[in-house]
Amino acid sequence: MPKTALSPPHSVSRRTALKALGTSAGAVAVLPWLSNEGLLAFARIQETKAPPTPRVLSASQFATLESFAEAIIPTDDRSPGARDARVADYVDLLLSESPRATALQWMGGLAALDAEAAARFGAPFSRLRADQADKILADISRNELAPTTPLEAFFVTAKRATVQGYYTSEIGIHKELRYKGNQFIREFAGCLTEDGKDCPHCGQRK
């Protein structure tokens, strides 16, 4: 895998990161997919359940990203959420393969999210209650189709990356989508939902 875009992760000041975010007002960045080496690294992280060891983000930035991703795709009675799927690790790996400017914009977005949380609730985003986090996300997603501020644009970028990471993970593919690989089926039974229970074939509910 290419060397990390920023090394060490703590070498970028908050002011520098916020300045980089400010240059992207209204612009929604799209992250590419992980390289083959990156996908292998992501698979190993999931298999070993190793503690997070971010390559680009600092510990506090990583915690903010984890909380954001979990707020977007929380654990429910169907499948685990973004935290268990290691979405934050996925994004950090992507940033390690991305240009320095992209990593700086993400740092700025996470700093802006923490600043918004501190201004409204006196704590960084990762320490907010679920209802407090939801209030912030509801506000910064109001213009999701046409963001007008850097933080709104970052929300769209981070949400897309969260979904991308989740459905690249083993949890997203096999537990949420219920994908079982190519299998020979003698007879197509259709969707067999009953009393709100998951269909054993497609995983959908009544």
C-alpha atoms as a PDB file:
ATOM      1  CA  MET A   1       0.000   0.000   0.000  1.00  0.00           C
ATOM      2  CA  PRO A   2       1.236   3.534  -0.707  1.00  0.00           C
ATOM      3  CA  LYS A   3       2.687   5.449   2.170  1.00  0.00           C
ATOM      4  CA  THR A   4       0.273   7.422   4.284  1.00  0.00           C
ATOM      5  CA  ALA A   5      -0.741  10.790   2.862  1.00  0.00           C
ATOM      6  CA  LEU A   6       0.161  12.497   6.122  1.00  0.00           C
ATOM      7  CA  SER A   7       2.830  11.221   8.466  1.00  0.00           C
ATOM      8  CA  PRO A   8       2.730  11.494  11.385  1.00  0.00           C
ATOM      9  CA  PRO A   9      -1.061  12.047  11.735  1.00  0.00           C
ATOM     10  CA  HIS A  10      -0.645  14.649  14.506  1.00  0.00           C
ATOM     11  CA  SER A  11       1.557  16.937  12.419  1.00  0.00           C
ATOM     12  CA  VAL A  12      -1.339  18.946  10.968  1.00  0.00           C
ATOM     13  CA  SER A  13      -2.734  21.772  13.054  1.00  0.00           C
ATOM     14  CA  ARG A  14      -6.454  22.286  13.531  1.00  0.00           C
ATOM     15  CA  ARG A  15      -6.191  25.670  11.808  1.00  0.00           C
ATOM     16  CA  THR A  16      -4.525  24.137   8.745  1.00  0.00           C
ATOM     17  CA  ALA A  17      -7.194  21.455   8.507  1.00  0.00           C
ATOM     18  CA  LEU A  18     -10.057  23.928   8.848  1.00  0.00           C
ATOM     19  CA  LYS A  19      -8.476  26.156   6.216  1.00  0.00           C
ATOM     20  CA  ALA A  20      -8.323  23.189   3.838  1.00  0.00           C
ATOM     21  CA  LEU A  21     -11.991  22.448   4.495  1.00  0.00           C
ATOM     22  CA  GLY A  22     -12.886  26.062   3.807  1.00  0.00           C
ATOM     23  CA  THR A  23     -11.633  25.744   0.248  1.00  0.00           C
ATOM     24  CA  SER A  24     -14.241  23.068  -0.460  1.00  0.00           C
ATOM     25  CA  ALA A  25     -17.431  24.976   0.409  1.00  0.00           C
ATOM     26  CA  GLY A  26     -20.278  23.503  -1.572  1.00  0.00           C
ATOM     27  CA  ALA A  27     -17.965  20.956  -3.220  1.00  0.00           C
ATOM     28  CA  VAL A  28     -18.668  17.305  -2.507  1.00  0.00           C
ATOM     29  CA  ALA A  29     -15.582  15.115  -2.782  1.00  0.00           C
ATOM     30  CA  VAL A  30     -15.928  11.519  -3.904  1.00  0.00           C
ATOM     31  CA  LEU A  31     -13.395   9.078  -2.554  1.00  0.00           C
ATOM     32  CA  PRO A  32     -12.196   6.311  -4.878  1.00  0.00           C
ATOM     33  CA  TRP A  33     -12.387   2.646  -3.972  1.00  0.00           C
ATOM     34  CA  LEU A  34      -9.592   1.005  -2.036  1.00  0.00           C
ATOM     35  CA  SER A  35      -6.740  -0.542  -3.960  1.00  0.00           C
ATOM     36  CA  ASN A  36      -6.350  -4.315  -3.877  1.00  0.00           C
ATOM     37  CA  GLU A  37      -3.734  -3.955  -1.143  1.00  0.00           C
ATOM     38  CA  GLY A  38      -6.071  -1.672   0.776  1.00  0.00           C
ATOM     39  CA  LEU A  39      -8.918  -4.169   0.506  1.00  0.00           C
ATOM     40  CA  LEU A  40      -6.651  -6.906   1.848  1.00  0.00           C
ATOM     41  CA  ALA A  41      -5.660  -4.668   4.767  1.00  0.00           C
ATOM     42  CA  PHE A  42      -9.331  -3.907   5.464  1.00  0.00           C
ATOM     43  CA  ALA A  43     -10.181  -7.610   5.365  1.00  0.00           C
ATOM     44  CA  ARG A  44      -7.410  -8.358   7.881  1.00  0.00           C
ATOM     45  CA  ILE A  45      -8.698  -5.643  10.223  1.00  0.00           C
ATOM     46  CA  GLN A  46     -12.152  -7.210  10.182  1.00  0.00           C
ATOM     47  CA  GLU A  47     -10.927 -10.785  10.530  1.00  0.00           C
ATOM     48  CA  THR A  48      -8.553 -10.133  13.424  1.00  0.00           C
ATOM     49  CA  LYS A  49     -10.794  -7.548  15.159  1.00  0.00           C
ATOM     50  CA  ALA A  50      -7.559  -5.712  15.934  1.00  0.00           C
ATOM     51  CA  PRO A  51      -7.733  -2.408  17.849  1.00  0.00           C
ATOM     52  CA  PRO A  52      -7.774   0.610  15.519  1.00  0.00           C
ATOM     53  CA  THR A  53      -4.349   1.822  14.442  1.00  0.00           C
ATOM     54  CA  PRO A  54      -5.082   4.803  12.164  1.00  0.00           C
ATOM     55  CA  ARG A  55      -2.517   5.572   9.489  1.00  0.00           C
ATOM     56  CA  VAL A  56      -3.638   9.155   8.839  1.00  0.00           C
ATOM     57  CA  LEU A  57      -6.146  10.337  11.439  1.00  0.00           C
ATOM     58  CA  SER A  58      -5.307  11.078  15.056  1.00  0.00           C
ATOM     59  CA  ALA A  59      -7.042   9.136  17.824  1.00  0.00           C
ATOM     60  CA  SER A  60      -9.541  11.947  18.457  1.00  0.00           C
ATOM     61  CA  GLN A  61     -10.268  12.404  14.738  1.00  0.00           C
ATOM     62  CA  PHE A  62     -10.788   8.667  14.386  1.00  0.00           C
ATOM     63  CA  ALA A  63     -13.191   8.649  17.358  1.00  0.00           C
ATOM     64  CA  THR A  64     -15.213  11.476  15.790  1.00  0.00           C
ATOM     65  CA  LEU A  65     -15.365   9.600  12.499  1.00  0.00           C
ATOM     66  CA  GLU A  66     -16.440   6.385  14.241  1.00  0.00           C
ATOM     67  CA  SER A  67     -19.265   8.198  16.030  1.00  0.00           C
ATOM     68  CA  PHE A  68     -20.381   9.931  12.847  1.00  0.00           C
ATOM     69  CA  ALA A  69     -20.455   6.669  10.884  1.00  0.00           C
ATOM     70  CA  GLU A  70     -22.374   4.852  13.628  1.00  0.00           C
ATOM     71  CA  ALA A  71     -24.931   7.675  13.701  1.00  0.00           C
ATOM     72  CA  ILE A  72     -25.429   7.241   9.945  1.00  0.00           C
ATOM     73  CA  ILE A  73     -25.659   3.424  10.055  1.00  0.00           C
ATOM     74  CA  PRO A  74     -26.437   2.359  13.628  1.00  0.00           C
ATOM     75  CA  THR A  75     -26.709  -1.156  14.971  1.00  0.00           C
ATOM     76  CA  ASP A  76     -30.259  -2.497  14.791  1.00  0.00           C
ATOM     77  CA  ASP A  77     -32.035  -5.818  15.166  1.00  0.00           C
ATOM     78  CA  ARG A  78     -31.105  -6.788  11.613  1.00  0.00           C
ATOM     79  CA  SER A  79     -27.347  -6.261  11.593  1.00  0.00           C
ATOM     80  CA  PRO A  80     -24.433  -4.528  13.367  1.00  0.00           C
ATOM     81  CA  GLY A  81     -23.722  -0.899  12.538  1.00  0.00           C
ATOM     82  CA  ALA A  82     -20.855   1.039  11.025  1.00  0.00           C
ATOM     83  CA  ARG A  83     -18.668   0.863  14.136  1.00  0.00           C
ATOM     84  CA  ASP A  84     -18.648  -2.948  14.154  1.00  0.00           C
ATOM     85  CA  ALA A  85     -18.156  -2.961  10.380  1.00  0.00           C
ATOM     86  CA  ARG A  86     -14.953  -0.933  10.915  1.00  0.00           C
ATOM     87  CA  VAL A  87     -16.062   1.850   8.571  1.00  0.00           C
ATOM     88  CA  ALA A  88     -13.697   4.358  10.203  1.00  0.00           C
ATOM     89  CA  ASP A  89     -10.776   2.023   9.480  1.00  0.00           C
ATOM     90  CA  TYR A  90     -11.952   1.794   5.870  1.00  0.00           C
ATOM     91  CA  VAL A  91     -11.988   5.591   5.486  1.00  0.00           C
ATOM     92  CA  ASP A  92      -8.597   5.952   7.148  1.00  0.00           C
ATOM     93  CA  LEU A  93      -7.162   3.397   4.723  1.00  0.00           C
ATOM     94  CA  LEU A  94      -8.684   5.353   1.834  1.00  0.00           C
ATOM     95  CA  LEU A  95      -7.126   8.550   3.117  1.00  0.00           C
ATOM     96  CA  SER A  96      -3.751   6.823   3.328  1.00  0.00           C
ATOM     97  CA  GLU A  97      -4.040   6.231  -0.425  1.00  0.00           C
ATOM     98  CA  SER A  98      -5.369   9.712  -1.226  1.00  0.00           C
ATOM     99  CA  PRO A  99      -3.655  13.039  -1.989  1.00  0.00           C
ATOM    100  CA  ARG A 100      -2.618  15.217   0.941  1.00  0.00           C
ATOM    101  CA  ALA A 101      -5.303  17.786   0.089  1.00  0.00           C
ATOM    102  CA  THR A 102      -8.052  15.179   0.476  1.00  0.00           C
ATOM    103  CA  ALA A 103      -6.775  14.079   3.873  1.00  0.00           C
ATOM    104  CA  LEU A 104      -6.564  17.706   5.012  1.00  0.00           C
ATOM    105  CA  GLN A 105     -10.173  18.331   3.977  1.00  0.00           C
ATOM    106  CA  TRP A 106     -11.312  15.323   5.987  1.00  0.00           C
ATOM    107  CA  MET A 107      -9.372  16.525   9.021  1.00  0.00           C
ATOM    108  CA  GLY A 108     -10.975  19.920   8.591  1.00  0.00           C
ATOM    109  CA  GLY A 109     -14.427  18.379   8.335  1.00  0.00           C
ATOM    110  CA  LEU A 110     -13.946  16.343  11.486  1.00  0.00           C
ATOM    111  CA  ALA A 111     -12.592  19.427  13.297  1.00  0.00           C
ATOM    112  CA  ALA A 112     -15.606  21.451  12.162  1.00  0.00           C
ATOM    113  CA  LEU A 113     -17.950  18.710  13.373  1.00  0.00           C
ATOM    114  CA  ASP A 114     -16.254  18.711  16.779  1.00  0.00           C
ATOM    115  CA  ALA A 115     -16.394  22.508  16.897  1.00  0.00           C
ATOM    116  CA  GLU A 116     -20.143  22.445  16.184  1.00  0.00           C
ATOM    117  CA  ALA A 117     -20.653  19.835  18.904  1.00  0.00           C
ATOM    118  CA  ALA A 118     -18.607  21.835  21.421  1.00  0.00           C
ATOM    119  CA  ALA A 119     -20.453  25.058  20.626  1.00  0.00           C
ATOM    120  CA  ARG A 120     -23.867  23.473  21.051  1.00  0.00           C
ATOM    121  CA  PHE A 121     -23.328  20.824  23.711  1.00  0.00           C
ATOM    122  CA  GLY A 122     -19.920  21.509  25.276  1.00  0.00           C
ATOM    123  CA  ALA A 123     -18.279  18.253  24.161  1.00  0.00           C
ATOM    124  CA  PRO A 124     -16.654  16.760  21.050  1.00  0.00           C
ATOM    125  CA  PHE A 125     -18.927  14.858  18.695  1.00  0.00           C
ATOM    126  CA  SER A 126     -17.698  11.460  19.899  1.00  0.00           C
ATOM    127  CA  ARG A 127     -18.938  12.199  23.432  1.00  0.00           C
ATOM    128  CA  LEU A 128     -22.432  13.358  22.542  1.00  0.00           C
ATOM    129  CA  ARG A 129     -25.564  11.447  23.386  1.00  0.00           C
ATOM    130  CA  ALA A 130     -27.369   9.909  20.439  1.00  0.00           C
ATOM    131  CA  ASP A 131     -30.106  12.535  20.488  1.00  0.00           C
ATOM    132  CA  GLN A 132     -27.554  15.368  20.531  1.00  0.00           C
ATOM    133  CA  ALA A 133     -25.635  13.892  17.606  1.00  0.00           C
ATOM    134  CA  ASP A 134     -28.896  13.433  15.697  1.00  0.00           C
ATOM    135  CA  LYS A 135     -29.773  17.117  16.162  1.00  0.00           C
ATOM    136  CA  ILE A 136     -26.467  18.209  14.645  1.00  0.00           C
ATOM    137  CA  LEU A 137     -26.704  15.773  11.755  1.00  0.00           C
ATOM    138  CA  ALA A 138     -30.279  16.837  11.061  1.00  0.00           C
ATOM    139  CA  ASP A 139     -29.146  20.456  10.774  1.00  0.00           C
ATOM    140  CA  ILE A 140     -26.098  19.906   8.578  1.00  0.00           C
ATOM    141  CA  SER A 141     -28.005  17.561   6.258  1.00  0.00           C
ATOM    142  CA  ARG A 142     -30.820  20.005   5.462  1.00  0.00           C
ATOM    143  CA  ASN A 143     -29.153  21.006   2.195  1.00  0.00           C
ATOM    144  CA  GLU A 144     -27.822  17.566   1.329  1.00  0.00           C
ATOM    145  CA  LEU A 145     -28.774  17.880  -2.342  1.00  0.00           C
ATOM    146  CA  ALA A 146     -27.105  21.280  -2.660  1.00  0.00           C
ATOM    147  CA  PRO A 147     -24.772  21.985   0.276  1.00  0.00           C
ATOM    148  CA  THR A 148     -23.968  25.640   0.863  1.00  0.00           C
ATOM    149  CA  THR A 149     -21.371  25.481   3.649  1.00  0.00           C
ATOM    150  CA  PRO A 150     -18.143  23.486   4.094  1.00  0.00           C
ATOM    151  CA  LEU A 151     -19.660  21.463   6.941  1.00  0.00           C
ATOM    152  CA  GLU A 152     -22.733  20.609   4.876  1.00  0.00           C
ATOM    153  CA  ALA A 153     -20.506  19.512   1.994  1.00  0.00           C
ATOM    154  CA  PHE A 154     -18.408  17.428   4.366  1.00  0.00           C
ATOM    155  CA  PHE A 155     -21.552  15.724   5.678  1.00  0.00           C
ATOM    156  CA  VAL A 156     -22.413  14.560   2.158  1.00  0.00           C
ATOM    157  CA  THR A 157     -18.865  13.354   1.505  1.00  0.00           C
ATOM    158  CA  ALA A 158     -18.606  11.534   4.846  1.00  0.00           C
ATOM    159  CA  LYS A 159     -22.058   9.973   4.506  1.00  0.00           C
ATOM    160  CA  ARG A 160     -21.196   8.604   1.062  1.00  0.00           C
ATOM    161  CA  ALA A 161     -17.890   7.224   2.352  1.00  0.00           C
ATOM    162  CA  THR A 162     -19.703   5.639   5.311  1.00  0.00           C
ATOM    163  CA  VAL A 163     -22.137   3.828   3.028  1.00  0.00           C
ATOM    164  CA  GLN A 164     -19.292   2.836   0.703  1.00  0.00           C
ATOM    165  CA  GLY A 165     -17.240   1.436   3.581  1.00  0.00           C
ATOM    166  CA  TYR A 166     -20.176  -0.345   5.189  1.00  0.00           C
ATOM    167  CA  TYR A 167     -21.172  -2.201   2.044  1.00  0.00           C
ATOM    168  CA  THR A 168     -17.548  -3.124   1.408  1.00  0.00           C
ATOM    169  CA  SER A 169     -17.343  -4.802   4.816  1.00  0.00           C
ATOM    170  CA  GLU A 170     -18.184  -8.401   5.670  1.00  0.00           C
ATOM    171  CA  ILE A 171     -21.003  -7.185   7.907  1.00  0.00           C
ATOM    172  CA  GLY A 172     -22.530  -4.998   5.225  1.00  0.00           C
ATOM    173  CA  ILE A 173     -22.297  -7.615   2.482  1.00  0.00           C
ATOM    174  CA  HIS A 174     -23.254 -10.761   4.365  1.00  0.00           C
ATOM    175  CA  LYS A 175     -25.250  -9.662   7.423  1.00  0.00           C
ATOM    176  CA  GLU A 176     -27.091  -6.645   6.021  1.00  0.00           C
ATOM    177  CA  LEU A 177     -27.457  -7.605   2.349  1.00  0.00           C
ATOM    178  CA  ARG A 178     -27.514 -11.336   3.193  1.00  0.00           C
ATOM    179  CA  TYR A 179     -25.347 -12.087   0.169  1.00  0.00           C
ATOM    180  CA  LYS A 180     -24.378 -15.769   0.114  1.00  0.00           C
ATOM    181  CA  GLY A 181     -22.428 -15.880  -3.116  1.00  0.00           C
ATOM    182  CA  ASN A 182     -23.399 -17.599  -6.346  1.00  0.00           C
ATOM    183  CA  GLN A 183     -25.444 -20.672  -5.461  1.00  0.00           C
ATOM    184  CA  PHE A 184     -27.394 -23.180  -7.530  1.00  0.00           C
ATOM    185  CA  ILE A 185     -31.124 -22.968  -6.729  1.00  0.00           C
ATOM    186  CA  ARG A 186     -33.374 -25.824  -7.888  1.00  0.00           C
ATOM    187  CA  GLU A 187     -36.560 -23.840  -7.367  1.00  0.00           C
ATOM    188  CA  PHE A 188     -37.129 -20.095  -6.910  1.00  0.00           C
ATOM    189  CA  ALA A 189     -39.325 -19.772  -3.823  1.00  0.00           C
ATOM    190  CA  GLY A 190     -39.725 -16.001  -3.874  1.00  0.00           C
ATOM    191  CA  CYS A 191     -39.874 -13.880  -0.754  1.00  0.00           C
ATOM    192  CA  LEU A 192     -41.245 -15.830   2.222  1.00  0.00           C
ATOM    193  CA  THR A 193     -41.747 -13.221   4.917  1.00  0.00           C
ATOM    194  CA  GLU A 194     -43.968 -14.256   7.774  1.00  0.00           C
ATOM    195  CA  ASP A 195     -45.037 -12.322  10.872  1.00  0.00           C
ATOM    196  CA  GLY A 196     -42.390  -9.684  10.260  1.00  0.00           C
ATOM    197  CA  LYS A 197     -39.542 -12.198  10.334  1.00  0.00           C
ATOM    198  CA  ASP A 198     -36.678 -12.152   7.865  1.00  0.00           C
ATOM    199  CA  CYS A 199     -37.209 -14.102   4.678  1.00  0.00           C
ATOM    200  CA  PRO A 200     -34.690 -17.004   4.722  1.00  0.00           C
ATOM    201  CA  HIS A 201     -33.993 -16.405   1.036  1.00  0.00           C
ATOM    202  CA  CYS A 202     -33.693 -12.653   0.512  1.00  0.00           C
ATOM    203  CA  GLY A 203     -33.533 -11.315   4.083  1.00  0.00           C
ATOM    204  CA  GLN A 204     -36.400  -8.908   3.538  1.00  0.00           C
ATOM    205  CA  ARG A 205     -39.191  -8.317   6.010  1.00  0.00           C
ATOM    206  CA  LYS A 206     -42.917  -8.241   5.629  1.00  0.00           C
END
